[in-house]
Amino acid sequence: MNRNTAAPVLHPDLEREIREALVSIRFGTVTLVVQDGRVIQLDKSEKIRLAGPTFRDGGGI
């Protein structure tokens, strides 16, 4: 297996997008899709926690 020992260099725009995704999410996941050593996609999936008696009792929806 060929391992690249040099530290990866992120394009400033990509680094900014990753940081924005991380700081804007409270609960959920941020996933990077990589092909041939390059990030080709960033997915952000956010969970929304519903709290309170209306939602717990099923009367809210």
N, C-alpha and C. Protein backbone atom coordinates (compact mmCIF):
# COMPACT_ATOMS: atom_id res chain seq x y z
N MET A 1 0.85 -1.18 0.00
CA MET A 1 0.00 0.00 0.00
C MET A 1 0.89 1.24 0.00
N ASN A 2 0.59 2.17 -0.86
CA ASN A 2 1.35 3.41 -0.96
C ASN A 2 0.71 4.47 -0.09
N ARG A 3 1.43 4.95 0.90
CA ARG A 3 0.89 5.97 1.81
C ARG A 3 1.57 7.30 1.54
N ASN A 4 0.77 8.33 1.43
CA ASN A 4 1.29 9.67 1.25
C ASN A 4 1.64 10.22 2.64
N THR A 5 2.90 10.52 2.88
CA THR A 5 3.31 10.97 4.20
C THR A 5 3.23 12.49 4.35
N ALA A 6 3.05 13.20 3.26
CA ALA A 6 2.94 14.66 3.34
C ALA A 6 1.57 15.04 3.90
N ALA A 7 1.55 16.09 4.69
CA ALA A 7 0.28 16.57 5.24
C ALA A 7 -0.60 17.06 4.10
N PRO A 8 -1.88 16.68 4.11
CA PRO A 8 -2.77 17.13 3.03
C PRO A 8 -2.97 18.64 3.08
N VAL A 9 -3.08 19.23 1.91
CA VAL A 9 -3.31 20.67 1.82
C VAL A 9 -4.74 20.88 1.35
N LEU A 10 -5.52 21.58 2.15
CA LEU A 10 -6.90 21.87 1.78
C LEU A 10 -6.98 23.22 1.08
N HIS A 11 -7.77 23.25 0.04
CA HIS A 11 -8.04 24.53 -0.62
C HIS A 11 -8.78 25.40 0.40
N PRO A 12 -8.46 26.69 0.47
CA PRO A 12 -9.10 27.56 1.47
C PRO A 12 -10.62 27.56 1.40
N ASP A 13 -11.19 27.46 0.19
CA ASP A 13 -12.65 27.43 0.06
C ASP A 13 -13.23 26.14 0.66
N LEU A 14 -12.54 25.03 0.44
CA LEU A 14 -12.99 23.75 1.01
C LEU A 14 -12.89 23.78 2.52
N GLU A 15 -11.78 24.30 3.03
CA GLU A 15 -11.61 24.40 4.48
C GLU A 15 -12.71 25.27 5.09
N ARG A 16 -13.05 26.36 4.44
CA ARG A 16 -14.11 27.25 4.92
C ARG A 16 -15.46 26.52 4.94
N GLU A 17 -15.76 25.77 3.87
CA GLU A 17 -17.03 25.03 3.80
C GLU A 17 -17.12 23.99 4.92
N ILE A 18 -16.03 23.29 5.17
CA ILE A 18 -16.02 22.28 6.23
C ILE A 18 -16.23 22.94 7.59
N ARG A 19 -15.52 24.02 7.83
CA ARG A 19 -15.67 24.73 9.12
C ARG A 19 -17.10 25.24 9.30
N GLU A 20 -17.68 25.82 8.24
CA GLU A 20 -19.05 26.33 8.33
C GLU A 20 -20.04 25.21 8.62
N ALA A 21 -19.84 24.06 7.98
CA ALA A 21 -20.73 22.92 8.23
C ALA A 21 -20.62 22.46 9.68
N LEU A 22 -19.41 22.43 10.21
CA LEU A 22 -19.21 21.97 11.58
C LEU A 22 -19.76 22.93 12.62
N VAL A 23 -19.57 24.23 12.42
CA VAL A 23 -20.04 25.18 13.44
C VAL A 23 -21.55 25.43 13.33
N SER A 24 -22.15 25.11 12.19
CA SER A 24 -23.58 25.39 12.03
C SER A 24 -24.47 24.23 12.44
N ILE A 25 -23.88 23.10 12.81
CA ILE A 25 -24.68 21.93 13.15
C ILE A 25 -24.62 21.69 14.66
N ARG A 26 -25.77 21.38 15.23
CA ARG A 26 -25.84 21.13 16.67
C ARG A 26 -25.87 19.63 16.96
N PHE A 27 -26.73 18.90 16.25
CA PHE A 27 -26.81 17.44 16.35
C PHE A 27 -26.84 16.89 14.93
N GLY A 28 -26.01 15.94 14.63
CA GLY A 28 -26.05 15.35 13.29
C GLY A 28 -24.68 14.92 12.82
N THR A 29 -24.53 14.87 11.49
CA THR A 29 -23.28 14.40 10.92
C THR A 29 -22.82 15.30 9.78
N VAL A 30 -21.51 15.37 9.62
CA VAL A 30 -20.89 16.00 8.46
C VAL A 30 -20.03 14.91 7.83
N THR A 31 -20.28 14.61 6.56
CA THR A 31 -19.58 13.54 5.87
C THR A 31 -18.86 14.09 4.65
N LEU A 32 -17.59 13.71 4.50
CA LEU A 32 -16.83 14.07 3.31
C LEU A 32 -16.72 12.84 2.43
N VAL A 33 -17.01 13.01 1.14
CA VAL A 33 -16.86 11.93 0.17
C VAL A 33 -15.57 12.21 -0.60
N VAL A 34 -14.69 11.22 -0.62
CA VAL A 34 -13.37 11.38 -1.23
C VAL A 34 -13.21 10.39 -2.38
N GLN A 35 -12.73 10.86 -3.52
CA GLN A 35 -12.38 10.01 -4.66
C GLN A 35 -10.99 10.40 -5.13
N ASP A 36 -10.16 9.42 -5.34
CA ASP A 36 -8.79 9.66 -5.82
C ASP A 36 -8.05 10.68 -4.97
N GLY A 37 -8.29 10.65 -3.66
CA GLY A 37 -7.59 11.55 -2.75
C GLY A 37 -8.11 12.98 -2.74
N ARG A 38 -9.24 13.22 -3.41
CA ARG A 38 -9.81 14.58 -3.45
C ARG A 38 -11.23 14.55 -2.88
N VAL A 39 -11.57 15.57 -2.11
CA VAL A 39 -12.93 15.71 -1.59
C VAL A 39 -13.82 16.14 -2.74
N ILE A 40 -14.85 15.33 -3.02
CA ILE A 40 -15.75 15.67 -4.12
C ILE A 40 -17.14 16.06 -3.63
N GLN A 41 -17.42 15.79 -2.35
CA GLN A 41 -18.76 16.08 -1.85
C GLN A 41 -18.72 16.25 -0.34
N LEU A 42 -19.54 17.16 0.16
CA LEU A 42 -19.72 17.37 1.59
C LEU A 42 -21.21 17.24 1.87
N ASP A 43 -21.57 16.31 2.74
CA ASP A 43 -22.96 16.11 3.14
C ASP A 43 -23.13 16.53 4.58
N LYS A 44 -24.20 17.27 4.86
CA LYS A 44 -24.52 17.65 6.23
C LYS A 44 -25.94 17.19 6.51
N SER A 45 -26.10 16.41 7.56
CA SER A 45 -27.40 15.92 7.97
C SER A 45 -27.62 16.35 9.41
N GLU A 46 -28.64 17.18 9.62
CA GLU A 46 -28.87 17.71 10.96
C GLU A 46 -30.10 17.07 11.58
N LYS A 47 -29.95 16.69 12.83
CA LYS A 47 -31.05 16.14 13.61
C LYS A 47 -31.69 17.29 14.39
N ILE A 48 -32.99 17.27 14.48
CA ILE A 48 -33.70 18.28 15.26
C ILE A 48 -34.36 17.55 16.43
N ARG A 49 -33.96 17.91 17.63
CA ARG A 49 -34.50 17.29 18.84
C ARG A 49 -35.81 17.98 19.20
N LEU A 50 -36.89 17.22 19.19
CA LEU A 50 -38.19 17.75 19.56
C LEU A 50 -38.42 17.44 21.03
N ALA A 51 -38.65 18.48 21.80
CA ALA A 51 -38.83 18.30 23.24
C ALA A 51 -40.11 18.99 23.67
N GLY A 52 -40.61 18.58 24.79
CA GLY A 52 -41.80 19.20 25.34
C GLY A 52 -42.96 18.23 25.36
N PRO A 53 -43.96 18.50 26.20
CA PRO A 53 -45.08 17.56 26.36
C PRO A 53 -45.91 17.38 25.10
N THR A 54 -46.02 18.40 24.26
CA THR A 54 -46.83 18.28 23.04
C THR A 54 -46.28 17.19 22.13
N PHE A 55 -44.98 17.16 21.97
CA PHE A 55 -44.37 16.18 21.07
C PHE A 55 -44.30 14.80 21.71
N ARG A 56 -44.05 14.73 23.00
CA ARG A 56 -43.94 13.42 23.66
C ARG A 56 -45.28 12.70 23.70
N ASP A 57 -46.38 13.43 23.84
CA ASP A 57 -47.69 12.81 23.93
C ASP A 57 -48.30 12.55 22.56
N GLY A 58 -47.64 12.98 21.50
CA GLY A 58 -48.16 12.75 20.16
C GLY A 58 -49.22 13.74 19.72
N GLY A 59 -49.46 14.77 20.51
CA GLY A 59 -50.51 15.72 20.17
C GLY A 59 -50.05 16.86 19.28
N GLY A 60 -48.78 16.91 18.95
CA GLY A 60 -48.27 18.05 18.20
C GLY A 60 -48.38 17.92 16.70
N ILE A 61 -48.50 16.70 16.21
CA ILE A 61 -48.52 16.52 14.76
C ILE A 61 -49.76 15.77 14.37
